[in-house]
N, C-alpha and C. Protein backbone atom coordinates (compact mmCIF):
# COMPACT_ATOMS: atom_id res chain seq x y z
N GLU A 1 0.40 -0.88 0.66
CA GLU A 1 0.18 -0.16 0.03
C GLU A 1 1.09 1.56 0.40
N PRO A 2 0.75 2.29 -1.24
CA PRO A 2 1.62 3.72 -0.77
C PRO A 2 1.82 3.96 0.26
N LEU A 3 2.91 4.40 -0.04
CA LEU A 3 2.55 5.53 1.59
C LEU A 3 2.46 7.32 1.63
N PHE A 4 1.91 7.16 0.79
CA PHE A 4 1.78 8.62 0.19
C PHE A 4 -0.15 9.21 -0.37
N ARG A 5 -0.37 9.80 0.25
CA ARG A 5 -1.90 9.72 -1.03
C ARG A 5 -1.56 11.88 -0.95
N SER A 6 -2.91 11.95 -1.80
CA SER A 6 -2.84 13.32 -3.17
C SER A 6 -4.23 13.07 -3.26
N ASP A 7 -5.05 13.86 -2.63
CA ASP A 7 -6.22 14.36 -2.84
C ASP A 7 -6.65 15.53 -4.03
N LEU A 8 -7.89 16.24 -4.12
CA LEU A 8 -7.91 16.90 -4.96
C LEU A 8 -7.12 18.04 -4.90
N THR A 9 -7.28 18.25 -3.29
CA THR A 9 -6.41 19.60 -3.16
C THR A 9 -5.15 20.12 -3.88
N GLY A 10 -4.35 18.76 -4.23
CA GLY A 10 -3.28 18.69 -4.52
C GLY A 10 -2.46 18.34 -3.78
N GLU A 11 -2.31 18.16 -2.20
CA GLU A 11 -1.22 17.89 -1.11
C GLU A 11 -1.11 16.84 -0.94
N ILE A 12 0.59 16.28 -1.42
CA ILE A 12 0.60 15.02 -0.90
C ILE A 12 0.68 14.71 1.10
N SER A 13 0.56 14.11 1.07
CA SER A 13 0.44 13.69 2.54
C SER A 13 0.83 12.31 3.23
N THR A 14 1.64 12.04 4.34
CA THR A 14 1.87 10.71 4.60
C THR A 14 0.04 10.07 4.92
N LYS A 15 0.81 8.45 4.42
CA LYS A 15 -0.48 7.58 5.04
C LYS A 15 0.02 6.33 6.10
N ALA A 16 1.45 6.53 6.49
CA ALA A 16 1.93 5.61 7.67
C ALA A 16 3.03 6.02 8.14
N SER A 17 3.69 6.20 9.33
CA SER A 17 4.71 6.67 9.88
C SER A 17 6.64 5.60 8.91
N LEU A 18 7.02 7.17 8.53
CA LEU A 18 8.51 6.65 7.99
C LEU A 18 9.33 5.97 9.38
N ASN A 19 10.25 6.23 8.30
CA ASN A 19 11.63 5.59 8.77
C ASN A 19 12.88 5.49 7.85
N ARG A 20 13.38 6.97 8.41
CA ARG A 20 14.74 7.53 7.32
C ARG A 20 16.11 6.03 7.68
N GLU A 21 16.10 5.05 8.59
CA GLU A 21 17.43 3.67 8.37
C GLU A 21 16.35 3.11 7.86
N SER A 22 15.56 3.49 7.06
CA SER A 22 14.88 2.16 6.46
C SER A 22 14.63 2.33 4.68
N ILE A 23 14.27 3.80 4.81
CA ILE A 23 14.05 4.35 3.46
C ILE A 23 14.53 5.64 3.64
N ALA A 24 15.75 6.41 2.85
CA ALA A 24 15.85 7.90 3.25
C ALA A 24 15.45 8.64 2.64
N TRP A 25 15.08 8.61 1.26
CA TRP A 25 14.26 9.45 0.38
C TRP A 25 13.03 8.64 -0.50
N TYR A 26 12.01 9.42 -0.91
CA TYR A 26 11.36 8.46 -1.88
C TYR A 26 11.19 10.08 -3.30
N ARG A 27 10.70 8.20 -4.27
CA ARG A 27 11.07 9.24 -5.83
C ARG A 27 9.41 9.60 -5.97
N ILE A 28 7.97 10.45 -5.96
CA ILE A 28 7.14 9.69 -6.70
C ILE A 28 6.08 10.07 -7.57
N VAL A 29 5.54 10.09 -8.66
CA VAL A 29 5.15 11.34 -9.88
C VAL A 29 4.16 11.19 -9.45
N VAL A 30 3.41 12.58 -9.52
CA VAL A 30 1.79 13.01 -9.70
C VAL A 30 1.59 13.59 -10.59
N ARG A 31 0.29 12.85 -10.61
CA ARG A 31 -0.71 13.48 -12.25
C ARG A 31 -1.68 14.31 -11.64
N VAL A 32 -1.35 15.27 -12.79
CA VAL A 32 -2.65 16.00 -12.54
C VAL A 32 -3.73 16.09 -13.82
N THR A 33 -5.41 15.42 -13.26
CA THR A 33 -5.51 14.95 -14.60
C THR A 33 -7.23 16.09 -14.60
N ASP A 34 -7.57 16.36 -15.93
CA ASP A 34 -8.78 17.08 -16.48
C ASP A 34 -10.28 16.49 -16.36
N ARG A 35 -11.15 16.50 -16.44
CA ARG A 35 -12.88 16.07 -16.93
C ARG A 35 -12.39 16.29 -18.29
N GLY A 36 -11.76 16.61 -19.08
CA GLY A 36 -12.24 16.81 -20.39
C GLY A 36 -12.69 15.74 -21.21
N SER A 37 -12.84 15.70 -22.49
CA SER A 37 -12.56 14.51 -22.93
C SER A 37 -12.33 14.63 -24.58
N PRO A 38 -11.20 14.35 -24.60
CA PRO A 38 -10.76 13.71 -23.88
C PRO A 38 -9.46 13.91 -22.83
N ALA A 39 -9.52 13.10 -21.65
CA ALA A 39 -8.93 13.71 -20.40
C ALA A 39 -7.73 14.21 -21.15
N LEU A 40 -7.76 14.81 -20.69
CA LEU A 40 -5.86 15.33 -20.29
C LEU A 40 -4.91 14.91 -19.50
N PHE A 41 -3.77 14.76 -19.43
CA PHE A 41 -3.09 15.15 -17.82
C PHE A 41 -1.83 15.54 -18.15
N SER A 42 -0.69 15.77 -17.31
CA SER A 42 0.77 15.95 -16.46
C SER A 42 1.39 15.67 -15.46
N ASP A 43 2.24 15.21 -15.97
CA ASP A 43 2.89 14.43 -14.26
C ASP A 43 4.00 15.15 -13.70
N VAL A 44 4.45 14.79 -13.16
CA VAL A 44 5.30 15.76 -12.13
C VAL A 44 6.63 15.11 -11.22
N ASN A 45 7.64 15.77 -11.19
CA ASN A 45 8.55 13.74 -10.42
C ASN A 45 8.04 14.82 -8.57
N VAL A 46 8.60 13.88 -8.30
CA VAL A 46 8.04 14.84 -6.94
C VAL A 46 9.47 13.36 -5.41
N THR A 47 10.81 14.25 -5.40
CA THR A 47 11.34 13.49 -4.35
C THR A 47 11.05 14.30 -2.69
N ILE A 48 11.17 13.24 -2.22
CA ILE A 48 10.65 13.39 -1.03
C ILE A 48 11.97 12.85 -0.08
N SER A 49 12.48 13.65 0.71
CA SER A 49 13.69 13.32 1.71
C SER A 49 12.74 13.47 3.22
N VAL A 50 13.72 11.46 3.47
CA VAL A 50 12.96 11.64 5.42
C VAL A 50 14.07 12.35 6.04
N LYS A 51 14.02 12.93 7.17
CA LYS A 51 14.90 13.93 7.98
C LYS A 51 15.10 12.94 9.45
N ASP A 52 16.30 12.89 9.52
CA ASP A 52 16.65 12.05 10.82
C ASP A 52 16.01 12.24 11.46
N ALA A 53 15.69 11.33 12.98
CA ALA A 53 14.86 12.03 13.77
C ALA A 53 16.04 10.91 14.84
N ASN A 54 16.50 11.82 16.12
CA ASN A 54 17.20 10.65 16.93
C ASN A 54 16.24 9.62 17.21
N ASP A 55 16.34 8.52 17.20
CA ASP A 55 14.97 7.68 17.32
C ASP A 55 16.04 5.69 18.01
N VAL A 56 17.22 6.37 17.45
CA VAL A 56 17.97 4.65 17.62
C VAL A 56 19.05 5.47 19.26
N ALA A 57 19.13 4.53 19.57
CA ALA A 57 19.86 4.61 21.06
C ALA A 57 21.80 4.34 20.19
N PRO A 58 22.14 4.84 21.28
CA PRO A 58 23.51 4.43 20.75
C PRO A 58 23.61 2.58 21.72
N ARG A 59 24.69 1.57 21.38
CA ARG A 59 24.82 0.44 21.33
C ARG A 59 26.73 0.06 21.59
N PHE A 60 27.02 -0.89 22.64
CA PHE A 60 28.60 -0.81 22.47
C PHE A 60 28.66 -1.73 20.65
N ALA A 61 29.66 -2.19 20.67
CA ALA A 61 30.19 -2.14 18.86
C ALA A 61 29.64 -4.21 19.83
N SER A 62 30.23 -4.27 21.20
CA SER A 62 30.34 -5.72 21.14
C SER A 62 29.18 -5.95 22.25
N ASP A 63 28.13 -6.70 22.63
CA ASP A 63 28.02 -6.93 23.31
C ASP A 63 27.62 -7.95 25.01
N THR A 64 29.07 -8.41 25.11
CA THR A 64 29.72 -8.96 25.99
C THR A 64 30.01 -8.33 27.34
N VAL A 65 30.26 -8.51 28.84
CA VAL A 65 30.26 -8.14 29.44
C VAL A 65 31.70 -7.77 29.10
N TYR A 66 32.27 -6.36 30.06
CA TYR A 66 33.14 -6.26 29.83
C TYR A 66 34.65 -6.55 31.12
N ASP A 67 35.55 -7.09 31.26
CA ASP A 67 35.90 -7.29 32.31
C ASP A 67 37.50 -6.72 32.05
N ALA A 68 38.51 -6.30 33.91
CA ALA A 68 39.71 -6.03 32.97
C ALA A 68 40.31 -6.10 34.65
N THR A 69 41.41 -6.45 34.55
CA THR A 69 42.34 -6.73 35.09
C THR A 69 43.78 -6.06 34.88
N ILE A 70 44.44 -5.67 36.43
CA ILE A 70 45.32 -4.89 36.44
C ILE A 70 46.06 -4.44 37.27
N PRO A 71 47.75 -4.41 37.14
CA PRO A 71 48.40 -4.31 37.84
C PRO A 71 48.13 -3.30 38.87
N GLU A 72 48.24 -3.02 40.73
CA GLU A 72 48.00 -2.53 41.51
C GLU A 72 48.91 -1.64 41.42
N SER A 73 50.43 -1.50 40.46
CA SER A 73 51.30 -0.72 40.25
C SER A 73 51.11 0.06 39.21
N SER A 74 49.61 -0.36 38.72
CA SER A 74 49.64 0.32 37.01
C SER A 74 49.97 2.75 37.94
N ARG A 75 50.87 2.77 36.29
CA ARG A 75 51.21 3.95 36.21
C ARG A 75 49.97 5.02 36.02
N ILE A 76 49.71 5.75 36.55
CA ILE A 76 48.70 6.90 35.84
C ILE A 76 48.35 7.17 34.32
N GLY A 77 47.81 6.86 34.06
CA GLY A 77 46.74 6.88 32.36
C GLY A 77 47.30 6.00 32.20
N PHE A 78 46.91 4.59 32.16
CA PHE A 78 47.45 3.23 31.96
C PHE A 78 46.30 3.09 31.76
N THR A 79 45.88 2.32 30.44
CA THR A 79 44.91 1.92 29.15
C THR A 79 44.56 0.89 30.19
N VAL A 80 43.33 1.25 30.77
CA VAL A 80 42.00 -0.61 31.36
C VAL A 80 41.93 -1.27 30.30
N LEU A 81 40.73 -0.35 29.71
CA LEU A 81 39.99 -1.03 28.56
C LEU A 81 39.31 0.07 27.58
N ALA A 82 39.78 -0.71 25.84
CA ALA A 82 39.22 0.26 24.88
C ALA A 82 37.78 -0.01 23.99
N PHE A 83 36.90 0.28 23.83
CA PHE A 83 35.30 0.24 23.41
C PHE A 83 35.02 1.71 22.62
N SER A 84 33.79 0.89 21.77
CA SER A 84 33.48 1.46 21.10
C SER A 84 32.16 1.44 21.08
N ALA A 85 31.34 2.40 20.34
CA ALA A 85 29.91 2.19 20.18
C ALA A 85 29.21 2.64 18.82
N ILE A 86 28.27 2.05 18.20
CA ILE A 86 27.52 2.85 16.73
C ILE A 86 26.16 3.16 17.42
N ASP A 87 25.72 4.09 16.46
CA ASP A 87 24.62 4.36 16.30
C ASP A 87 24.42 4.57 14.89
N ASP A 88 23.21 3.56 14.93
CA ASP A 88 22.54 3.58 13.57
C ASP A 88 21.17 5.22 12.66
N ASP A 89 21.54 5.83 13.26
CA ASP A 89 20.81 7.26 12.86
C ASP A 89 21.65 7.43 12.23
N LEU A 90 21.70 8.79 10.93
CA LEU A 90 22.39 9.41 9.65
C LEU A 90 23.60 9.49 10.06
N PRO A 91 24.48 8.51 9.17
CA PRO A 91 25.92 9.20 9.42
C PRO A 91 26.63 9.97 9.43
N GLY A 92 27.16 10.49 10.45
CA GLY A 92 27.85 12.27 10.20
C GLY A 92 27.24 13.10 11.32
N SER A 93 25.64 13.01 11.33
CA SER A 93 24.66 13.88 11.63
C SER A 93 24.58 13.72 13.77
N ASN A 94 24.85 14.69 14.63
CA ASN A 94 24.52 14.61 15.42
C ASN A 94 24.00 12.89 16.27
N ASN A 95 22.77 13.03 15.92
CA ASN A 95 22.48 11.94 16.16
C ASN A 95 22.67 10.49 15.67
N SER A 96 24.08 10.05 15.99
CA SER A 96 24.94 8.86 15.18
C SER A 96 26.26 9.69 16.03
N ARG A 97 27.03 10.95 15.65
CA ARG A 97 27.95 10.40 17.19
C ARG A 97 27.68 10.57 18.52
N VAL A 98 28.16 9.55 19.69
CA VAL A 98 28.70 9.33 20.89
C VAL A 98 29.93 9.76 21.21
N SER A 99 29.25 10.01 23.03
CA SER A 99 30.57 9.90 23.88
C SER A 99 30.44 9.28 24.55
N TYR A 100 30.89 9.39 25.46
CA TYR A 100 31.74 8.19 25.98
C TYR A 100 31.57 9.55 27.91
N ALA A 101 31.32 8.44 28.87
CA ALA A 101 31.33 9.00 30.35
C ALA A 101 31.01 8.11 31.33
N ILE A 102 31.72 8.00 32.92
CA ILE A 102 31.29 7.10 32.90
C ILE A 102 30.05 7.65 34.46
N ALA A 103 29.13 6.83 33.88
CA ALA A 103 27.85 6.50 34.72
C ALA A 103 28.39 6.37 36.42
N SER A 104 28.48 5.27 36.14
CA SER A 104 28.52 4.87 38.84
C SER A 104 29.87 4.39 38.49
N GLY A 105 30.95 3.81 39.18
CA GLY A 105 31.11 3.35 39.70
C GLY A 105 33.02 3.73 40.56
N SER A 106 32.94 5.07 39.99
CA SER A 106 34.40 5.61 40.12
C SER A 106 34.10 7.00 40.58
N ASP A 107 33.41 6.88 41.77
CA ASP A 107 32.88 8.31 43.23
C ASP A 107 34.10 8.77 43.38
N ARG A 108 35.52 8.00 43.67
CA ARG A 108 36.95 8.77 44.28
C ARG A 108 37.44 9.22 43.36
N GLY A 109 37.18 9.43 41.40
CA GLY A 109 37.09 9.70 40.42
C GLY A 109 39.23 8.75 40.35
N ASP A 110 39.13 7.98 40.30
CA ASP A 110 40.60 6.95 40.25
C ASP A 110 40.80 6.03 38.39
N PHE A 111 39.44 6.55 38.00
CA PHE A 111 38.65 6.33 36.41
C PHE A 111 38.83 7.55 36.09
N ARG A 112 39.16 7.97 34.45
CA ARG A 112 38.06 8.71 33.64
C ARG A 112 38.15 8.29 32.29
N ILE A 113 37.20 8.62 31.34
CA ILE A 113 37.72 8.00 29.86
C ILE A 113 37.92 9.52 29.07
N GLY A 114 38.37 9.29 28.33
CA GLY A 114 39.53 9.92 26.96
C GLY A 114 40.24 11.11 28.14
N ASP A 115 40.62 12.28 27.62
CA ASP A 115 41.91 13.20 28.26
C ASP A 115 41.50 13.62 29.47
């Protein structure tokens, strides 16, 4: 079933929810027809781009639990773990850029993320 509809006013409207991660744009043809005999018509191409919404939560690249063991004598700045996360919103947009922070467990400030 079509996702868009047009009526006698010439307005195009959506008929269903859109998801930019599934389909980023649509190309449709709109036809206008008169009621003469013979009926005459004209077509126009319409491209509809779907603007990205921040509707996908970031996730860690690995779904495993991260565990690390480090020596007690580790120097300040010792790298404990390195991990990455991804967000399936529009690549390069603010919606897909991620940042990291320690949410809990380092109340004394013994660990940090980043510089």
